[in-house]
């Protein structure tokens, strides 16, 4: 793998999904409504990832 390789849209979405879930977990102890919002955003990203996987198959 080269040093300057670009990430695919699926890889970028996967990174965003992981970051949103981590942040939602951290927020769950202090701000439940913000945690719920972040979890919903993560699930929306996951739906996009699934659409990409279906179109690739």
N, C-alpha and C. Protein backbone atom coordinates (compact mmCIF):
# COMPACT_ATOMS: atom_id res chain seq x y z
N UNK A 1 0.84 -1.17 0.00
CA UNK A 1 0.00 0.00 0.00
C UNK A 1 0.89 1.24 0.00
N UNK A 2 0.58 2.17 -0.88
CA UNK A 2 1.41 3.36 -1.01
C UNK A 2 1.15 4.38 0.08
N UNK A 3 2.06 5.30 0.15
CA UNK A 3 1.98 6.33 1.18
C UNK A 3 0.85 7.32 0.91
N UNK A 4 0.61 7.61 -0.37
CA UNK A 4 -0.38 8.62 -0.73
C UNK A 4 -1.66 8.02 -1.30
N UNK A 5 -2.06 6.87 -0.82
CA UNK A 5 -3.29 6.27 -1.31
C UNK A 5 -4.49 6.98 -0.72
N UNK A 6 -5.53 7.10 -1.52
CA UNK A 6 -6.74 7.76 -1.06
C UNK A 6 -7.69 6.74 -0.48
N UNK A 7 -8.46 7.18 0.49
CA UNK A 7 -9.47 6.31 1.08
C UNK A 7 -10.71 6.33 0.20
N UNK A 8 -11.35 5.20 0.11
CA UNK A 8 -12.60 5.14 -0.62
C UNK A 8 -13.70 5.79 0.22
N UNK A 9 -14.83 6.06 -0.41
CA UNK A 9 -15.94 6.68 0.31
C UNK A 9 -16.39 5.77 1.46
N UNK A 10 -16.37 4.46 1.21
CA UNK A 10 -16.77 3.50 2.23
C UNK A 10 -15.84 3.57 3.43
N UNK A 11 -14.53 3.68 3.20
CA UNK A 11 -13.57 3.76 4.29
C UNK A 11 -13.75 5.06 5.09
N UNK A 12 -14.00 6.16 4.39
CA UNK A 12 -14.22 7.44 5.08
C UNK A 12 -15.47 7.37 5.95
N UNK A 13 -16.54 6.79 5.41
CA UNK A 13 -17.77 6.66 6.18
C UNK A 13 -17.57 5.76 7.39
N UNK A 14 -16.79 4.70 7.21
CA UNK A 14 -16.50 3.78 8.31
C UNK A 14 -15.77 4.50 9.44
N UNK A 15 -14.81 5.37 9.07
CA UNK A 15 -14.09 6.15 10.08
C UNK A 15 -15.03 7.10 10.81
N UNK A 16 -15.91 7.77 10.06
CA UNK A 16 -16.88 8.68 10.67
C UNK A 16 -17.80 7.93 11.62
N UNK A 17 -18.23 6.74 11.20
CA UNK A 17 -19.13 5.92 12.01
C UNK A 17 -18.48 5.58 13.36
N UNK A 18 -17.24 5.14 13.30
CA UNK A 18 -16.53 4.77 14.53
C UNK A 18 -16.35 5.97 15.46
N UNK A 19 -16.01 7.13 14.89
CA UNK A 19 -15.81 8.33 15.70
C UNK A 19 -17.11 8.76 16.37
N UNK A 20 -18.22 8.70 15.62
CA UNK A 20 -19.52 9.09 16.19
C UNK A 20 -19.91 8.16 17.33
N UNK A 21 -19.69 6.86 17.16
CA UNK A 21 -20.03 5.92 18.22
C UNK A 21 -19.18 6.13 19.47
N UNK A 22 -17.89 6.37 19.27
CA UNK A 22 -17.01 6.62 20.42
C UNK A 22 -17.45 7.87 21.18
N UNK A 23 -17.76 8.92 20.43
CA UNK A 23 -18.19 10.17 21.06
C UNK A 23 -19.54 9.98 21.76
N UNK A 24 -20.44 9.24 21.14
CA UNK A 24 -21.74 8.98 21.75
C UNK A 24 -21.57 8.22 23.07
N UNK A 25 -20.64 7.27 23.09
CA UNK A 25 -20.39 6.51 24.31
C UNK A 25 -19.86 7.42 25.41
N UNK A 26 -18.93 8.30 25.05
CA UNK A 26 -18.37 9.22 26.04
C UNK A 26 -19.44 10.18 26.57
N UNK A 27 -20.33 10.63 25.70
CA UNK A 27 -21.36 11.59 26.08
C UNK A 27 -22.48 10.93 26.89
N UNK A 28 -22.58 9.62 26.82
CA UNK A 28 -23.70 8.93 27.48
C UNK A 28 -23.72 9.12 28.99
N UNK A 29 -22.56 9.43 29.57
CA UNK A 29 -22.52 9.62 31.02
C UNK A 29 -22.88 11.04 31.44
N UNK A 30 -22.74 12.00 30.51
CA UNK A 30 -22.95 13.39 30.89
C UNK A 30 -24.15 14.04 30.22
N UNK A 31 -24.41 13.69 28.95
CA UNK A 31 -25.48 14.36 28.22
C UNK A 31 -26.20 13.32 27.36
N UNK A 32 -27.26 12.78 27.89
CA UNK A 32 -27.95 11.67 27.24
C UNK A 32 -28.57 12.06 25.90
N UNK A 33 -29.16 13.25 25.81
CA UNK A 33 -29.79 13.65 24.55
C UNK A 33 -28.76 13.83 23.44
N UNK A 34 -27.59 14.36 23.78
CA UNK A 34 -26.51 14.50 22.79
C UNK A 34 -26.01 13.12 22.38
N UNK A 35 -25.92 12.21 23.32
CA UNK A 35 -25.51 10.85 23.01
C UNK A 35 -26.49 10.18 22.06
N UNK A 36 -27.78 10.38 22.30
CA UNK A 36 -28.80 9.80 21.41
C UNK A 36 -28.70 10.39 20.00
N UNK A 37 -28.44 11.70 19.92
CA UNK A 37 -28.31 12.35 18.61
C UNK A 37 -27.11 11.79 17.84
N UNK A 38 -25.99 11.63 18.53
CA UNK A 38 -24.79 11.09 17.89
C UNK A 38 -24.99 9.64 17.46
N UNK A 39 -25.70 8.87 18.28
CA UNK A 39 -25.98 7.48 17.92
C UNK A 39 -26.84 7.42 16.67
N UNK A 40 -27.82 8.30 16.56
CA UNK A 40 -28.67 8.33 15.37
C UNK A 40 -27.84 8.70 14.13
N UNK A 41 -26.96 9.69 14.27
CA UNK A 41 -26.09 10.06 13.16
C UNK A 41 -25.21 8.88 12.75
N UNK A 42 -24.69 8.14 13.71
CA UNK A 42 -23.86 6.97 13.42
C UNK A 42 -24.67 5.92 12.68
N UNK A 43 -25.92 5.73 13.09
CA UNK A 43 -26.77 4.75 12.41
C UNK A 43 -27.10 5.19 10.99
N UNK A 44 -27.26 6.48 10.76
CA UNK A 44 -27.49 6.99 9.41
C UNK A 44 -26.28 6.72 8.52
N UNK A 45 -25.09 6.91 9.09
CA UNK A 45 -23.85 6.63 8.35
C UNK A 45 -23.76 5.14 8.03
N UNK A 46 -24.15 4.31 8.98
CA UNK A 46 -24.12 2.86 8.77
C UNK A 46 -25.06 2.46 7.64
N UNK A 47 -26.22 3.12 7.55
CA UNK A 47 -27.15 2.86 6.44
C UNK A 47 -26.51 3.20 5.10
N UNK A 48 -25.76 4.30 5.05
CA UNK A 48 -25.07 4.68 3.81
C UNK A 48 -24.03 3.62 3.44
N UNK A 49 -23.30 3.13 4.43
CA UNK A 49 -22.29 2.10 4.19
C UNK A 49 -22.96 0.85 3.61
N UNK A 50 -24.09 0.46 4.17
CA UNK A 50 -24.80 -0.72 3.68
C UNK A 50 -25.27 -0.53 2.25
N UNK A 51 -25.72 0.68 1.89
CA UNK A 51 -26.14 0.95 0.52
C UNK A 51 -24.97 0.80 -0.43
N UNK A 52 -23.80 1.30 -0.02
CA UNK A 52 -22.61 1.17 -0.87
C UNK A 52 -22.25 -0.30 -1.05
N UNK A 53 -22.32 -1.08 0.04
CA UNK A 53 -21.98 -2.50 -0.05
C UNK A 53 -22.96 -3.23 -0.96
N UNK A 54 -24.23 -2.88 -0.91
CA UNK A 54 -25.23 -3.52 -1.77
C UNK A 54 -24.98 -3.18 -3.24
N UNK A 55 -24.57 -1.95 -3.52
CA UNK A 55 -24.33 -1.56 -4.90
C UNK A 55 -23.06 -2.22 -5.45
N UNK A 56 -22.11 -2.54 -4.55
CA UNK A 56 -20.89 -3.22 -4.99
C UNK A 56 -21.14 -4.69 -5.29
N UNK A 57 -22.11 -5.28 -4.65
CA UNK A 57 -22.35 -6.72 -4.80
C UNK A 57 -23.10 -7.04 -6.07
